[in-house]
């Protein structure tokens, strides 16, 4: 018998391999940080002996979920800037979230973000935009929690209209950079942190808002991306007003502009993409660019991704479409199981077509498509021999899962469950969540620190509420005693 480090055996298993095999009594053999074998439990146990065995009886084993669009700086201000349109929301995020962060609060915010994702089954994520110059705080949180991630260092160099103008000029939480400084610091960030944490961390570039990124900056980012074989992230086609900022400045819509300066390609990932034309969709397809659908943040913010977006058409056209929860002040949750549910049912409602976005497809979006968006499709996204050992186990002994059988196992995951039923998470061959508890960091200590560090944000928010109260009749105000 061959020796392995870890054997996960005896559970329902959705492999997401090329044959889309599902085992009623499956097992995964792991040595180091890689999967050695996958198959029926009786066959795997005949071939391998393990240092540690995890019983997956009454559990479901799936590949670790990939959240392809996250912001870690939002978490400490969760619920403080809700229910306002997109562009005013962005302005408030700059002036409120960015301006009041310091290295300590950013680190705790990133830790809680990682905790929320891991404890609901996400093993890999893409950070679409850090807060300069504190990117190392995000890296530290990823290293300590054990997650796999891409950290997109935010760059932009146009700070006047058309576009967003309230990016703070002076604060502890962000810094305006010239084109040359942004590129130089980004390259330094790559040299310091790319492939760190045993290769779990990649460092990419994030063009923060399209109308605020000059052609010189975009071409400089493309050159560095090619030099280091890394990817480029951005938000594009979010809402029509934001697209018009780009039209006013450059005479082109978001995707047209990004294509003209050489940004599109297989290493590009664009988030939101509700407001794109058919011509832009063909540009995305022809350049083999990647898209991430942020359905929950769009529905909460009224962006139009479901009612106006072309996501089913993009998928039919062969475009790689992944899923992402966005920040804790956008969707206000970081649960990819909830995100899969919304991605499946929201389009059915709008199109009045129950065949649109079937559960099998949205599971692909949250695993295989996310892996491709990370340029890691050969390493993660499915349970196969030779791939990295990133697994999520769900507890099936819960009412939302009972009964589970061969006819409904995927449908239960997408339509009935949530990330609350996650029992165990394994990343890079190491257990990070066990029996629903994170084992890599001290959860309680992190929560205590978060409650302490929230005080400056609460003071700023209280001042804003008092100003708003003077403009509203008392009948419209809630009182907390």
Protein backbone atom coordinates (compact mmCIF):
# COMPACT_ATOMS: atom_id res chain seq x y z
CA UNK A 1 0.00 0.00 0.00
CA UNK A 2 1.15 3.53 -0.77
CA UNK A 3 1.59 6.05 2.05
CA UNK A 4 -0.25 9.39 1.98
CA UNK A 5 -0.60 12.17 4.52
CA UNK A 6 -4.36 12.60 4.50
CA UNK A 7 -7.30 10.49 3.44
CA UNK A 8 -10.81 11.96 3.20
CA UNK A 9 -13.20 9.04 2.79
CA UNK A 10 -16.77 7.86 2.87
CA UNK A 11 -18.69 10.88 1.58
CA UNK A 12 -20.71 12.11 -1.34
CA UNK A 13 -18.19 13.66 -3.75
CA UNK A 14 -18.65 16.00 -6.72
CA UNK A 15 -15.31 15.88 -8.56
CA UNK A 16 -15.90 18.50 -11.30
CA UNK A 17 -13.44 16.49 -13.42
CA UNK A 18 -13.75 16.22 -17.19
CA UNK A 19 -16.34 13.45 -16.87
CA UNK A 20 -18.16 15.31 -14.06
CA UNK A 21 -18.06 12.16 -11.91
CA UNK A 22 -20.08 12.06 -8.69
CA UNK A 23 -19.40 9.38 -6.08
CA UNK A 24 -21.93 8.36 -3.46
CA UNK A 25 -19.12 6.89 -1.34
CA UNK A 26 -16.00 8.69 -2.50
CA UNK A 27 -12.51 9.34 -1.18
CA UNK A 28 -9.56 11.66 -1.82
CA UNK A 29 -5.95 10.69 -1.06
CA UNK A 30 -3.59 13.61 -0.38
CA UNK A 31 0.21 13.71 -0.11
CA UNK A 32 1.79 17.02 0.81
CA UNK A 33 -0.23 19.72 -0.93
CA UNK A 34 -1.45 17.60 -3.84
CA UNK A 35 -4.21 15.14 -4.59
CA UNK A 36 -2.77 11.70 -5.29
CA UNK A 37 -5.94 9.82 -6.14
CA UNK A 38 -9.73 10.14 -6.26
CA UNK A 39 -12.31 7.40 -6.44
CA UNK A 40 -14.59 5.02 -4.61
CA UNK A 41 -13.73 4.70 -0.94
CA UNK A 42 -13.21 0.93 -1.04
CA UNK A 43 -10.76 1.26 -3.94
CA UNK A 44 -8.82 4.16 -2.45
CA UNK A 45 -8.54 2.45 0.95
CA UNK A 46 -7.20 -0.71 -0.72
CA UNK A 47 -4.41 1.30 -2.32
CA UNK A 48 -3.42 3.81 0.36
CA UNK A 49 -2.66 4.08 4.05
CA UNK A 50 -2.79 7.55 5.62
CA UNK A 51 -1.19 9.35 8.53
CA UNK A 52 -4.55 11.05 9.17
CA UNK A 53 -8.01 10.02 8.04
CA UNK A 54 -11.09 12.25 7.94
CA UNK A 55 -14.43 10.49 7.87
CA UNK A 56 -16.74 12.17 5.39
CA UNK A 57 -19.73 10.03 6.31
CA UNK A 58 -22.88 12.14 5.94
CA UNK A 59 -20.79 14.86 4.28
CA UNK A 60 -20.40 16.23 0.77
CA UNK A 61 -16.90 16.75 -0.67
CA UNK A 62 -16.45 19.34 -3.43
CA UNK A 63 -13.50 21.30 -4.85
CA UNK A 64 -12.80 24.44 -2.84
CA UNK A 65 -14.93 27.33 -4.05
CA UNK A 66 -13.29 30.27 -5.84
CA UNK A 67 -14.53 33.81 -5.12
CA UNK A 68 -13.30 35.77 -8.12
CA UNK A 69 -14.03 39.29 -6.85
CA UNK A 70 -13.49 40.47 -3.27
CA UNK A 71 -12.45 43.65 -1.44
CA UNK A 72 -10.97 43.08 2.01
CA UNK A 73 -11.03 46.71 3.15
CA UNK A 74 -14.85 46.88 3.44
CA UNK A 75 -15.43 44.56 6.35
CA UNK A 76 -15.11 46.90 9.33
CA UNK A 77 -17.63 49.29 7.76
CA UNK A 78 -20.14 46.60 6.81
CA UNK A 79 -23.69 47.95 6.82
CA UNK A 80 -22.63 51.61 7.07
CA UNK A 81 -23.04 52.76 3.46
CA UNK A 82 -25.99 50.75 2.16
CA UNK A 83 -28.91 51.44 -0.15
CA UNK A 84 -27.48 54.28 -2.23
CA UNK A 85 -26.75 54.27 -5.99
CA UNK A 86 -23.45 52.98 -7.28
CA UNK A 87 -21.53 56.17 -8.00
CA UNK A 88 -22.36 57.92 -4.70
CA UNK A 89 -21.57 54.63 -3.00
CA UNK A 90 -18.10 54.55 -4.59
CA UNK A 91 -17.44 58.14 -3.51
CA UNK A 92 -18.43 57.31 0.08
CA UNK A 93 -16.30 54.17 0.03
CA UNK A 94 -13.28 56.30 -0.84
CA UNK A 95 -13.93 59.02 1.70
CA UNK A 96 -15.17 56.76 4.51
CA UNK A 97 -13.58 53.30 4.20
CA UNK A 98 -10.24 54.27 2.66
CA UNK A 99 -9.62 57.44 4.61
CA UNK A 100 -10.17 55.89 8.04
CA UNK A 101 -8.19 52.69 7.62
CA UNK A 102 -4.76 52.28 9.14
CA UNK A 103 -2.43 49.26 8.88
CA UNK A 104 -3.85 47.64 12.02
CA UNK A 105 -7.52 47.99 11.06
CA UNK A 106 -6.82 46.96 7.46
CA UNK A 107 -5.10 43.79 8.69
CA UNK A 108 -8.03 42.86 10.95
CA UNK A 109 -10.51 43.66 8.18
CA UNK A 110 -8.59 41.34 5.85
CA UNK A 111 -8.49 38.60 8.49
CA UNK A 112 -12.25 38.72 9.04
CA UNK A 113 -12.82 38.69 5.28
CA UNK A 114 -10.69 35.55 4.95
CA UNK A 115 -12.52 33.96 7.89
CA UNK A 116 -15.93 34.63 6.35
CA UNK A 117 -14.86 33.11 3.07
CA UNK A 118 -13.13 30.03 4.48
CA UNK A 119 -15.88 29.20 6.96
CA UNK A 120 -18.42 29.20 4.09
CA UNK A 121 -16.32 27.00 1.80
CA UNK A 122 -14.14 29.37 -0.24
CA UNK A 123 -10.52 28.29 -0.56
CA UNK A 124 -9.27 30.78 -3.18
CA UNK A 125 -10.16 34.39 -3.92
CA UNK A 126 -9.19 37.40 -6.00
CA UNK A 127 -8.67 40.75 -4.27
CA UNK A 128 -9.66 43.36 -6.86
CA UNK A 129 -7.97 46.40 -5.43
CA UNK A 130 -5.95 47.04 -2.30
CA UNK A 131 -5.65 50.28 -0.33
CA UNK A 132 -2.20 51.75 -1.01
CA UNK A 133 0.26 51.77 0.56
CA UNK A 134 -0.86 48.98 2.95
CA UNK A 135 -0.99 45.97 0.60
CA UNK A 136 1.29 43.97 2.86
CA UNK A 137 -1.48 43.83 5.49
CA UNK A 138 -3.64 41.80 3.10
CA UNK A 139 -0.72 39.49 2.32
CA UNK A 140 -0.13 38.92 6.03
CA UNK A 141 -3.78 37.95 6.58
CA UNK A 142 -3.71 35.49 3.69
CA UNK A 143 -0.50 33.92 4.92
CA UNK A 144 -1.84 33.43 8.44
CA UNK A 145 -5.28 32.08 7.53
CA UNK A 146 -3.86 29.70 4.94
CA UNK A 147 -5.97 30.84 1.98
CA UNK A 148 -4.98 30.87 -1.66
CA UNK A 149 -5.35 34.30 -3.28
CA UNK A 150 -4.52 36.82 -5.94
CA UNK A 151 -3.85 40.27 -4.52
CA UNK A 152 -4.48 43.01 -7.07
CA UNK A 153 -2.51 46.13 -6.21
CA UNK A 154 -4.72 49.09 -7.05
CA UNK A 155 -3.42 51.70 -9.51
CA UNK A 156 -4.94 54.83 -11.02
CA UNK A 157 -3.49 58.20 -11.92
CA UNK A 158 -6.33 60.58 -12.89
CA UNK A 159 -7.95 62.20 -9.85
CA UNK A 160 -10.20 64.80 -11.45
CA UNK A 161 -13.42 64.48 -13.43
CA UNK A 162 -14.85 63.05 -15.55
CA UNK A 163 -14.62 60.14 -13.17
CA UNK A 164 -14.36 59.83 -9.42
CA UNK A 165 -12.97 62.87 -7.62
CA UNK A 166 -13.26 62.20 -3.89
CA UNK A 167 -10.27 59.89 -3.49
CA UNK A 168 -8.74 61.44 -0.35
CA UNK A 169 -5.73 63.65 -1.01
CA UNK A 170 -4.19 63.16 2.40
CA UNK A 171 -5.04 60.38 4.83
CA UNK A 172 -3.47 57.48 6.66
CA UNK A 173 -5.43 54.99 4.58
CA UNK A 174 -4.53 55.78 0.99
CA UNK A 175 -2.19 57.76 -1.16
CA UNK A 176 -2.50 59.42 -4.55
CA UNK A 177 0.23 58.18 -6.88
CA UNK A 178 1.64 59.51 -10.14
CA UNK A 179 1.74 57.18 -13.12
CA UNK A 180 5.42 56.48 -12.64
CA UNK A 181 5.09 55.95 -8.88
CA UNK A 182 2.12 53.60 -9.27
CA UNK A 183 4.01 51.44 -11.78
CA UNK A 184 7.23 51.42 -9.77
CA UNK A 185 5.51 50.51 -6.52
CA UNK A 186 3.49 47.81 -8.26
CA UNK A 187 6.64 46.22 -9.62
CA UNK A 188 8.22 46.35 -6.17
CA UNK A 189 5.12 44.72 -4.70
CA UNK A 190 5.42 41.90 -7.24
CA UNK A 191 9.08 41.33 -6.42
CA UNK A 192 8.36 41.21 -2.69
CA UNK A 193 5.24 39.07 -2.54
CA UNK A 194 4.49 37.16 -5.75
CA UNK A 195 4.52 33.40 -5.17
CA UNK A 196 4.87 33.93 -1.42
CA UNK A 197 3.24 31.74 1.25
CA UNK A 198 4.50 28.57 -0.44
CA UNK A 199 3.13 29.80 -3.76
CA UNK A 200 -0.40 30.42 -2.46
CA UNK A 201 -0.24 34.17 -3.17
CA UNK A 202 -0.04 35.81 -6.57
CA UNK A 203 0.27 39.56 -7.05
CA UNK A 204 -1.58 41.12 -9.98
CA UNK A 205 -2.51 44.63 -11.09
CA UNK A 206 -5.88 46.29 -10.50
CA UNK A 207 -6.93 49.26 -12.64
CA UNK A 208 -9.27 50.59 -10.01
CA UNK A 209 -11.81 52.57 -12.07
CA UNK A 210 -11.54 52.67 -15.85
CA UNK A 211 -12.20 56.43 -16.35
CA UNK A 212 -9.45 57.24 -13.83
CA UNK A 213 -6.70 55.25 -15.58
CA UNK A 214 -4.70 57.03 -18.30
CA UNK A 215 -3.51 55.30 -21.50
CA UNK A 216 0.07 55.64 -20.23
CA UNK A 217 -0.80 53.83 -17.01
CA UNK A 218 -2.73 51.10 -18.83
CA UNK A 219 0.11 50.44 -21.25
CA UNK A 220 2.61 50.42 -18.39
CA UNK A 221 0.49 47.86 -16.55
CA UNK A 222 0.26 45.70 -19.69
CA UNK A 223 4.05 45.80 -20.08
CA UNK A 224 4.61 44.72 -16.48
CA UNK A 225 1.95 42.05 -16.74
CA UNK A 226 3.67 40.58 -19.78
CA UNK A 227 7.09 40.85 -18.15
CA UNK A 228 6.08 38.88 -15.06
CA UNK A 229 3.36 36.70 -16.65
CA UNK A 230 0.70 38.04 -14.29
CA UNK A 231 -2.90 39.18 -14.70
CA UNK A 232 -4.86 42.44 -14.77
CA UNK A 233 -8.08 43.17 -12.88
CA UNK A 234 -10.62 45.96 -13.07
CA UNK A 235 -14.25 46.98 -12.62
CA UNK A 236 -15.92 47.73 -15.95
CA UNK A 237 -19.41 48.26 -17.33
CA UNK A 238 -20.72 48.57 -13.78
CA UNK A 239 -23.47 51.17 -14.31
CA UNK A 240 -24.27 53.41 -17.27
CA UNK A 241 -23.25 56.62 -15.48
CA UNK A 242 -19.81 55.18 -14.77
CA UNK A 243 -19.42 54.09 -18.39
CA UNK A 244 -20.29 57.63 -19.46
CA UNK A 245 -17.36 58.92 -17.40
CA UNK A 246 -15.10 56.84 -19.67
CA UNK A 247 -16.89 58.07 -22.80
CA UNK A 248 -16.49 61.71 -21.72
CA UNK A 249 -12.79 61.29 -21.01
CA UNK A 250 -11.65 58.91 -23.77
CA UNK A 251 -14.47 58.88 -26.33
CA UNK A 252 -15.01 55.14 -25.88
CA UNK A 253 -16.93 52.80 -23.62
CA UNK A 254 -15.09 50.81 -20.95
CA UNK A 255 -14.27 47.65 -22.90
CA UNK A 256 -13.56 49.57 -26.09
CA UNK A 257 -11.07 51.74 -24.23
CA UNK A 258 -9.40 48.82 -22.45
CA UNK A 259 -9.07 47.01 -25.77
CA UNK A 260 -7.55 50.09 -27.43
CA UNK A 261 -4.76 50.28 -24.83
CA UNK A 262 -3.98 46.57 -24.93
CA UNK A 263 -5.46 45.46 -21.61
CA UNK A 264 -7.83 42.73 -22.82
CA UNK A 265 -6.55 39.17 -23.12
CA UNK A 266 -6.55 35.72 -21.46
CA UNK A 267 -4.91 37.27 -18.39
CA UNK A 268 -7.62 39.94 -17.96
CA UNK A 269 -10.53 39.66 -15.51
CA UNK A 270 -13.27 42.28 -15.62
CA UNK A 271 -15.83 42.52 -12.81
CA UNK A 272 -19.54 43.47 -13.06
CA UNK A 273 -19.94 43.96 -16.83
CA UNK A 274 -23.65 44.78 -16.72
CA UNK A 275 -23.44 47.71 -19.15
CA UNK A 276 -21.63 46.40 -22.19
CA UNK A 277 -22.74 46.36 -25.82
CA UNK A 278 -22.81 43.41 -28.19
CA UNK A 279 -19.69 44.82 -29.84
CA UNK A 280 -17.89 44.87 -26.50
CA UNK A 281 -19.01 41.31 -25.78
CA UNK A 282 -17.38 40.20 -29.02
CA UNK A 283 -14.17 41.99 -28.01
CA UNK A 284 -14.19 40.03 -24.76
CA UNK A 285 -14.80 36.77 -26.62
CA UNK A 286 -12.21 37.38 -29.35
CA UNK A 287 -9.46 38.32 -26.86
CA UNK A 288 -10.32 35.33 -24.60
CA UNK A 289 -10.78 37.71 -21.69
CA UNK A 290 -12.44 36.58 -18.45
CA UNK A 291 -15.51 37.99 -16.70
CA UNK A 292 -16.73 37.78 -13.10
CA UNK A 293 -20.45 38.03 -12.37
CA UNK A 294 -21.18 39.78 -9.04
CA UNK A 295 -24.87 39.04 -8.90
CA UNK A 296 -25.56 39.79 -5.22
CA UNK A 297 -23.81 43.18 -5.14
CA UNK A 298 -25.58 44.14 -8.37
CA UNK A 299 -28.99 43.17 -6.99
CA UNK A 300 -28.35 45.06 -3.75
CA UNK A 301 -26.87 48.11 -5.48
CA UNK A 302 -29.25 48.16 -8.43
CA UNK A 303 -26.46 47.93 -11.01
CA UNK A 304 -28.43 45.96 -13.61
CA UNK A 305 -26.28 42.84 -14.02
CA UNK A 306 -29.33 40.57 -13.93
CA UNK A 307 -31.97 42.77 -15.55
CA UNK A 308 -29.72 44.18 -18.26
CA UNK A 309 -26.56 42.05 -18.28
CA UNK A 310 -25.71 39.54 -21.00
CA UNK A 311 -24.23 36.80 -18.80
CA UNK A 312 -26.20 33.85 -20.25
CA UNK A 313 -25.27 35.12 -23.73
CA UNK A 314 -21.61 35.52 -22.74
CA UNK A 315 -21.54 31.95 -21.47
CA UNK A 316 -23.19 30.72 -24.68
CA UNK A 317 -20.56 32.62 -26.67
CA UNK A 318 -17.79 30.69 -24.92
CA UNK A 319 -16.62 33.49 -22.61
CA UNK A 320 -15.26 32.33 -19.27
CA UNK A 321 -17.60 33.73 -16.59
CA UNK A 322 -16.71 33.26 -12.92
CA UNK A 323 -18.59 34.31 -9.75
CA UNK A 324 -17.72 36.75 -6.97
CA UNK A 325 -19.39 38.10 -3.84
CA UNK A 326 -17.70 41.54 -3.97
CA UNK A 327 -17.01 43.44 -0.73
CA UNK A 328 -18.77 43.28 2.61
CA UNK A 329 -20.27 46.70 1.92
CA UNK A 330 -21.54 45.69 -1.52
CA UNK A 331 -23.30 42.35 -1.14
CA UNK A 332 -22.79 42.36 2.65
CA UNK A 333 -22.07 38.63 2.57
CA UNK A 334 -19.11 36.55 1.42
CA UNK A 335 -20.88 33.20 1.04
CA UNK A 336 -20.30 31.66 -2.39
CA UNK A 337 -23.11 29.13 -1.84
CA UNK A 338 -25.56 32.01 -1.53
CA UNK A 339 -23.94 33.59 -4.58
CA UNK A 340 -24.47 30.43 -6.62
CA UNK A 341 -28.13 30.34 -5.58
CA UNK A 342 -28.70 33.92 -6.71
CA UNK A 343 -26.80 33.44 -9.97
CA UNK A 344 -29.05 30.52 -10.81
CA UNK A 345 -32.48 31.82 -9.79
CA UNK A 346 -32.21 35.57 -10.55
CA UNK A 347 -31.78 35.05 -14.30
CA UNK A 348 -34.66 32.58 -14.38
CA UNK A 349 -36.93 35.27 -12.93
CA UNK A 350 -35.81 38.05 -15.29
CA UNK A 351 -35.85 35.87 -18.42
CA UNK A 352 -38.94 33.94 -17.28
CA UNK A 353 -37.05 30.84 -18.35
CA UNK A 354 -36.39 28.04 -15.87
CA UNK A 355 -33.73 26.47 -18.13
CA UNK A 356 -31.37 29.48 -17.82
CA UNK A 357 -28.34 29.16 -15.51
CA UNK A 358 -28.87 25.57 -14.32
CA UNK A 359 -27.25 24.58 -10.99
CA UNK A 360 -24.58 22.47 -12.69
CA UNK A 361 -23.47 25.52 -14.66
CA UNK A 362 -23.22 27.88 -11.69
CA UNK A 363 -21.20 25.27 -9.79
CA UNK A 364 -18.77 25.31 -12.72
CA UNK A 365 -18.65 29.11 -12.46
CA UNK A 366 -17.69 28.89 -8.77
CA UNK A 367 -15.01 26.23 -9.28
CA UNK A 368 -13.56 25.56 -12.74
CA UNK A 369 -14.29 29.01 -14.19
CA UNK A 370 -12.86 30.72 -11.12
CA UNK A 371 -9.73 28.58 -11.42
CA UNK A 372 -9.35 29.65 -15.06
CA UNK A 373 -9.86 33.31 -14.10
CA UNK A 374 -6.95 32.89 -11.66
CA UNK A 375 -4.84 31.26 -14.40
CA UNK A 376 -4.79 28.16 -12.19
CA UNK A 377 -7.08 25.82 -14.13
CA UNK A 378 -4.36 23.16 -14.22
CA UNK A 379 -3.94 23.32 -10.44
CA UNK A 380 -7.34 23.89 -8.78
CA UNK A 381 -11.07 23.82 -9.56
CA UNK A 382 -11.64 20.07 -9.58
CA UNK A 383 -10.76 16.98 -7.54
CA UNK A 384 -8.25 15.14 -9.70
CA UNK A 385 -4.89 13.42 -9.22
CA UNK A 386 -2.05 15.93 -9.56
CA UNK A 387 -4.09 18.99 -8.63
CA UNK A 388 -3.60 20.99 -5.45
CA UNK A 389 -5.51 19.70 -2.45
CA UNK A 390 -8.20 22.37 -1.99
CA UNK A 391 -11.42 20.76 -0.69
CA UNK A 392 -14.61 21.80 1.07
CA UNK A 393 -16.79 19.41 3.08
CA UNK A 394 -20.44 20.13 3.91
CA UNK A 395 -22.34 18.57 6.83
CA UNK A 396 -25.35 16.75 5.36
CA UNK A 397 -26.89 16.10 8.79
CA UNK A 398 -28.82 19.34 8.62
CA UNK A 399 -32.45 19.90 7.67
CA UNK A 400 -31.64 21.85 4.52
CA UNK A 401 -29.69 18.87 3.19
CA UNK A 402 -32.03 16.02 4.16
CA UNK A 403 -32.69 14.00 2.12
CA UNK A 404 -29.64 13.99 -0.16
CA UNK A 405 -29.42 11.38 -2.92
CA UNK A 406 -28.10 10.95 -6.43
CA UNK A 407 -30.96 12.89 -8.01
CA UNK A 408 -30.61 16.05 -5.91
CA UNK A 409 -27.08 16.36 -4.52
CA UNK A 410 -26.11 19.30 -6.77
CA UNK A 411 -29.56 20.89 -6.49
CA UNK A 412 -29.42 20.70 -2.69
CA UNK A 413 -26.07 22.49 -2.78
CA UNK A 414 -27.25 25.28 -5.06
CA UNK A 415 -30.92 25.70 -4.13
CA UNK A 416 -31.21 24.54 -0.51
CA UNK A 417 -27.91 24.96 1.33
CA UNK A 418 -25.76 27.86 2.47
CA UNK A 419 -22.15 28.14 3.56
CA UNK A 420 -23.30 27.75 7.17
CA UNK A 421 -23.25 23.99 6.65
CA UNK A 422 -19.52 23.89 5.87
CA UNK A 423 -17.78 21.47 8.23
CA UNK A 424 -14.19 21.14 6.99
CA UNK A 425 -11.94 23.11 4.64
CA UNK A 426 -8.58 21.92 3.33
CA UNK A 427 -6.28 24.30 1.46
CA UNK A 428 -2.95 23.26 -0.03
CA UNK A 429 -3.26 19.96 1.81
CA UNK A 430 -3.67 21.59 5.23
CA UNK A 431 -6.83 21.70 7.33
CA UNK A 432 -7.88 25.32 7.87
CA UNK A 433 -11.44 24.77 9.11
CA UNK A 434 -12.45 21.77 11.22
CA UNK A 435 -15.90 21.11 12.67
CA UNK A 436 -16.88 24.59 11.50
CA UNK A 437 -14.06 26.35 13.38
CA UNK A 438 -10.98 27.98 11.88
CA UNK A 439 -7.84 26.27 13.19
CA UNK A 440 -5.18 28.53 11.65
CA UNK A 441 -5.95 31.74 13.57
CA UNK A 442 -7.66 32.69 16.82
CA UNK A 443 -11.19 33.67 15.79
CA UNK A 444 -12.23 35.15 19.15
CA UNK A 445 -9.15 37.37 19.36
CA UNK A 446 -9.79 38.68 15.86
CA UNK A 447 -13.40 39.49 16.71
CA UNK A 448 -12.32 41.32 19.87
CA UNK A 449 -9.84 43.38 17.89
CA UNK A 450 -12.46 44.20 15.27
CA UNK A 451 -14.86 45.52 17.92
CA UNK A 452 -12.08 47.69 19.31
CA UNK A 453 -10.91 49.02 15.95
CA UNK A 454 -14.40 49.89 14.72
CA UNK A 455 -14.64 52.88 17.08
CA UNK A 456 -13.09 55.51 14.75
CA UNK A 457 -15.45 54.44 11.96
CA UNK A 458 -18.43 54.65 14.31
CA UNK A 459 -17.50 58.21 15.31
CA UNK A 460 -17.30 59.32 11.68
CA UNK A 461 -20.57 57.56 10.87
CA UNK A 462 -22.31 59.12 13.90
CA UNK A 463 -21.27 62.59 12.75
CA UNK A 464 -22.71 61.91 9.29
CA UNK A 465 -25.96 60.58 10.78
CA UNK A 466 -26.36 63.68 12.96
CA UNK A 467 -25.95 65.91 9.92
CA UNK A 468 -28.49 63.84 8.00
CA UNK A 469 -30.93 63.92 10.92
CA UNK A 470 -31.15 67.70 10.69
CA UNK A 471 -32.49 67.34 7.13
CA UNK A 472 -35.09 64.63 7.87
CA UNK A 473 -38.32 64.75 9.83
CA UNK A 474 -38.24 62.76 13.06
CA UNK A 475 -40.84 60.34 11.73
CA UNK A 476 -38.23 59.02 9.26
CA UNK A 477 -35.57 58.28 11.88
CA UNK A 478 -34.99 55.11 13.86
CA UNK A 479 -33.98 55.52 17.48
CA UNK A 480 -31.64 53.09 19.24
CA UNK A 481 -31.79 53.50 23.02
